[in-house]
Amino acid sequence: MRRLSSDKGEQAMFSLVKWVCAIVLCASMASSQENDAPAAALGPETNLPMPRFVSLKASEANVRRGPSLTHRIDWVFKRRNMPLQVVAEYGHWRRVIDREGQGGWVHYTMISGTRTVIVDQDMLPLRARADAQATENAELQAGVIAKLDECGPAWCKLSVDGYRGWAPKDALWGVDAAELLD
């Protein structure tokens, strides 16, 4: 049976519901415009920011074509503490890329949250302070892996082979340009 209503009460209720929905929609649009900063993507498995930097925990790690033991091994990472960037997650597997952009899937047990960087500039001075005029503590060759201690807007504090000091962030791979670490 089809019901046709001419009840003024139902029509008034329907109008009220439309009005409330319009107010809620406008309020949510206004609040989303106030926060123009894009939300950081989070990994579906770890709920950690994506992409993010990690380091290779083991001295050797198989890099697979897909996220399982049945996928072919494309190559093997053979450098302990090498910084990697996690760009995807699936179960216990993490898709990582190295500084050349080469990547694949590694098991999560092969990576560590310890932060390291690779020096991109040959004979990079490691300074006593975050200042280009500060005393040099050491010089680092391109390709050296250093532990990342902290980062400011333009400089990062590193430690490598008993030496500690500051290096310009733009001469390192393994830290984002806008990243700050304490």
Protein backbone atom coordinates (compact mmCIF):
# COMPACT_ATOMS: atom_id res chain seq x y z
CA MET A 1 0.00 0.00 0.00
CA ARG A 2 1.39 3.35 -0.97
CA ARG A 3 1.19 6.08 1.64
CA LEU A 4 0.85 9.66 0.63
CA SER A 5 1.31 12.10 3.43
CA SER A 6 0.15 15.60 3.72
CA ASP A 7 0.91 15.71 7.38
CA LYS A 8 2.41 19.13 8.21
CA GLY A 9 4.32 17.61 11.17
CA GLU A 10 6.25 15.18 8.96
CA GLN A 11 7.09 17.91 6.47
CA ALA A 12 8.30 20.20 9.27
CA MET A 13 10.45 17.38 10.70
CA PHE A 14 11.92 16.66 7.25
CA SER A 15 12.76 20.37 6.79
CA LEU A 16 14.40 20.47 10.22
CA VAL A 17 16.54 17.41 9.42
CA LYS A 18 17.68 18.98 6.11
CA TRP A 19 18.54 22.21 7.91
CA VAL A 20 20.58 20.42 10.62
CA CYS A 21 22.43 18.37 7.99
CA ALA A 22 23.29 21.54 6.07
CA ILE A 23 24.70 23.16 9.24
CA VAL A 24 26.81 20.07 10.05
CA LEU A 25 28.13 19.92 6.48
CA CYS A 26 29.08 23.62 6.48
CA ALA A 27 30.80 23.30 9.87
CA SER A 28 32.86 20.30 8.74
CA MET A 29 33.89 22.06 5.52
CA ALA A 30 34.96 25.15 7.49
CA SER A 31 37.05 23.12 9.94
CA SER A 32 38.76 21.22 7.12
CA GLN A 33 39.66 24.51 5.43
CA GLU A 34 41.18 25.83 8.68
CA ASN A 35 43.59 22.90 8.78
CA ASP A 36 45.11 23.12 5.31
CA ALA A 37 48.12 21.00 6.38
CA PRO A 38 47.83 17.63 4.66
CA ALA A 39 47.39 14.69 6.96
CA ALA A 40 50.43 12.42 7.07
CA ALA A 41 49.81 9.02 5.56
CA LEU A 42 50.10 6.19 8.05
CA GLY A 43 51.18 2.64 7.37
CA PRO A 44 48.30 0.14 7.47
CA GLU A 45 50.28 -2.36 9.57
CA THR A 46 52.35 -0.18 11.93
CA ASN A 47 50.34 3.04 11.99
CA LEU A 48 53.69 4.85 11.57
CA PRO A 49 54.21 7.73 9.11
CA MET A 50 54.73 6.85 5.46
CA PRO A 51 57.15 7.22 3.88
CA ARG A 52 59.72 7.00 6.70
CA PHE A 53 63.41 6.24 7.06
CA VAL A 54 64.78 3.16 8.80
CA SER A 55 68.09 1.29 8.70
CA LEU A 56 69.14 -2.22 7.75
CA LYS A 57 69.53 -4.26 10.95
CA ALA A 58 71.30 -7.26 9.45
CA SER A 59 74.52 -7.47 7.47
CA GLU A 60 72.55 -9.22 4.70
CA ALA A 61 68.90 -8.99 3.75
CA ASN A 62 67.08 -10.54 0.80
CA VAL A 63 65.16 -8.05 -1.32
CA ARG A 64 62.16 -9.77 -2.87
CA ARG A 65 59.90 -8.92 -5.78
CA GLY A 66 56.78 -9.24 -3.61
CA PRO A 67 55.76 -9.48 0.05
CA SER A 68 56.24 -13.20 0.76
CA LEU A 69 58.87 -15.94 0.84
CA THR A 70 57.47 -17.35 -2.40
CA HIS A 71 58.46 -14.25 -4.35
CA ARG A 72 61.78 -14.24 -6.18
CA ILE A 73 64.83 -12.63 -4.55
CA ASP A 74 65.93 -9.78 -6.83
CA TRP A 75 69.11 -8.94 -4.91
CA VAL A 76 70.64 -8.87 -1.44
CA PHE A 77 71.41 -5.77 0.62
CA LYS A 78 74.85 -6.34 2.16
CA ARG A 79 75.55 -3.24 4.19
CA ARG A 80 74.58 -3.18 7.87
CA ASN A 81 73.04 0.12 9.08
CA MET A 82 72.33 1.29 5.51
CA PRO A 83 69.47 3.81 5.55
CA LEU A 84 66.34 2.77 3.67
CA GLN A 85 63.01 4.43 3.09
CA VAL A 86 59.84 2.45 3.82
CA VAL A 87 57.25 3.28 1.16
CA ALA A 88 54.69 0.47 1.68
CA GLU A 89 53.64 -2.17 4.21
CA TYR A 90 51.93 -5.51 3.81
CA GLY A 91 51.69 -7.89 6.76
CA HIS A 92 55.22 -8.54 8.04
CA TRP A 93 56.79 -7.11 4.88
CA ARG A 94 58.05 -3.61 4.14
CA ARG A 95 58.68 -2.18 0.67
CA VAL A 96 61.89 -0.18 0.89
CA ILE A 97 64.01 1.89 -1.45
CA ASP A 98 67.66 2.83 -1.15
CA ARG A 99 69.28 6.13 -2.09
CA GLU A 100 69.42 5.14 -5.77
CA GLY A 101 65.69 4.47 -5.77
CA GLN A 102 66.15 0.69 -6.06
CA GLY A 103 63.74 -1.22 -3.91
CA GLY A 104 61.86 -4.32 -3.05
CA TRP A 105 60.22 -6.13 -0.17
CA VAL A 106 62.12 -7.11 2.99
CA HIS A 107 60.87 -8.83 6.12
CA TYR A 108 60.29 -6.40 8.97
CA THR A 109 62.82 -8.22 11.17
CA MET A 110 65.60 -7.09 8.81
CA ILE A 111 65.06 -3.38 9.50
CA SER A 112 65.53 -1.19 12.55
CA GLY A 113 64.09 2.12 13.67
CA THR A 114 67.63 3.35 14.39
CA ARG A 115 68.26 6.31 12.12
CA THR A 116 71.31 6.46 9.90
CA VAL A 117 72.31 8.55 6.89
CA ILE A 118 74.65 8.17 3.93
CA VAL A 119 77.01 11.02 3.15
CA ASP A 120 76.38 12.28 -0.40
CA GLN A 121 79.19 14.82 -0.60
CA ASP A 122 82.83 13.77 -0.81
CA MET A 123 85.10 15.03 1.98
CA LEU A 124 82.18 16.49 3.92
CA PRO A 125 83.44 18.41 6.97
CA LEU A 126 81.97 17.23 10.28
CA ARG A 127 81.78 20.45 12.32
CA ALA A 128 81.92 21.04 16.09
CA ARG A 129 78.75 23.18 15.88
CA ALA A 130 75.92 23.68 13.41
CA ASP A 131 77.83 26.49 11.70
CA ALA A 132 79.82 26.54 8.46
CA GLN A 133 82.62 28.46 10.23
CA ALA A 134 82.92 26.02 13.17
CA THR A 135 86.00 23.84 13.70
CA GLU A 136 86.20 20.61 11.68
CA ASN A 137 86.16 17.43 13.78
CA ALA A 138 86.61 15.13 10.78
CA GLU A 139 86.06 14.81 7.05
CA LEU A 140 83.68 12.17 5.74
CA GLN A 141 84.01 10.52 2.36
CA ALA A 142 80.97 10.07 0.13
CA GLY A 143 79.18 6.82 0.96
CA VAL A 144 80.04 6.79 4.66
CA ILE A 145 77.15 5.65 6.86
CA ALA A 146 76.71 7.70 10.05
CA LYS A 147 74.30 7.43 12.96
CA LEU A 148 71.80 10.28 13.02
CA ASP A 149 71.61 11.83 16.50
CA GLU A 150 69.50 14.97 15.93
CA CYS A 151 68.49 17.42 13.21
CA GLY A 152 67.59 21.07 13.07
CA PRO A 153 66.23 22.95 10.08
CA ALA A 154 69.53 22.90 8.15
CA TRP A 155 72.05 20.80 10.10
CA CYS A 156 72.17 17.27 11.53
CA LYS A 157 74.32 15.94 14.36
CA LEU A 158 76.06 12.71 13.37
CA SER A 159 78.29 10.14 15.02
CA VAL A 160 80.61 7.82 13.11
CA ASP A 161 83.66 5.80 14.25
CA GLY A 162 84.03 7.75 17.51
CA TYR A 163 83.67 11.16 15.86
CA ARG A 164 80.71 13.43 16.49
CA GLY A 165 79.73 16.61 14.80
CA TRP A 166 77.33 18.54 12.62
CA ALA A 167 76.85 18.31 8.86
CA PRO A 168 74.53 20.18 6.48
CA LYS A 169 71.29 18.28 5.99
CA ASP A 170 71.36 18.73 2.21
CA ALA A 171 74.61 16.70 1.99
CA LEU A 172 72.96 13.60 3.52
CA TRP A 173 70.55 10.90 2.34
CA GLY A 174 68.28 9.36 4.95
CA VAL A 175 66.60 12.44 6.39
CA ASP A 176 63.84 14.60 4.89
CA ALA A 177 64.57 18.28 4.26
CA ALA A 178 61.76 19.40 6.59
CA GLU A 179 62.39 16.77 9.27
CA LEU A 180 63.40 17.84 12.79
CA LEU A 181 64.79 15.31 15.30
CA ASP A 182 65.69 15.75 18.95
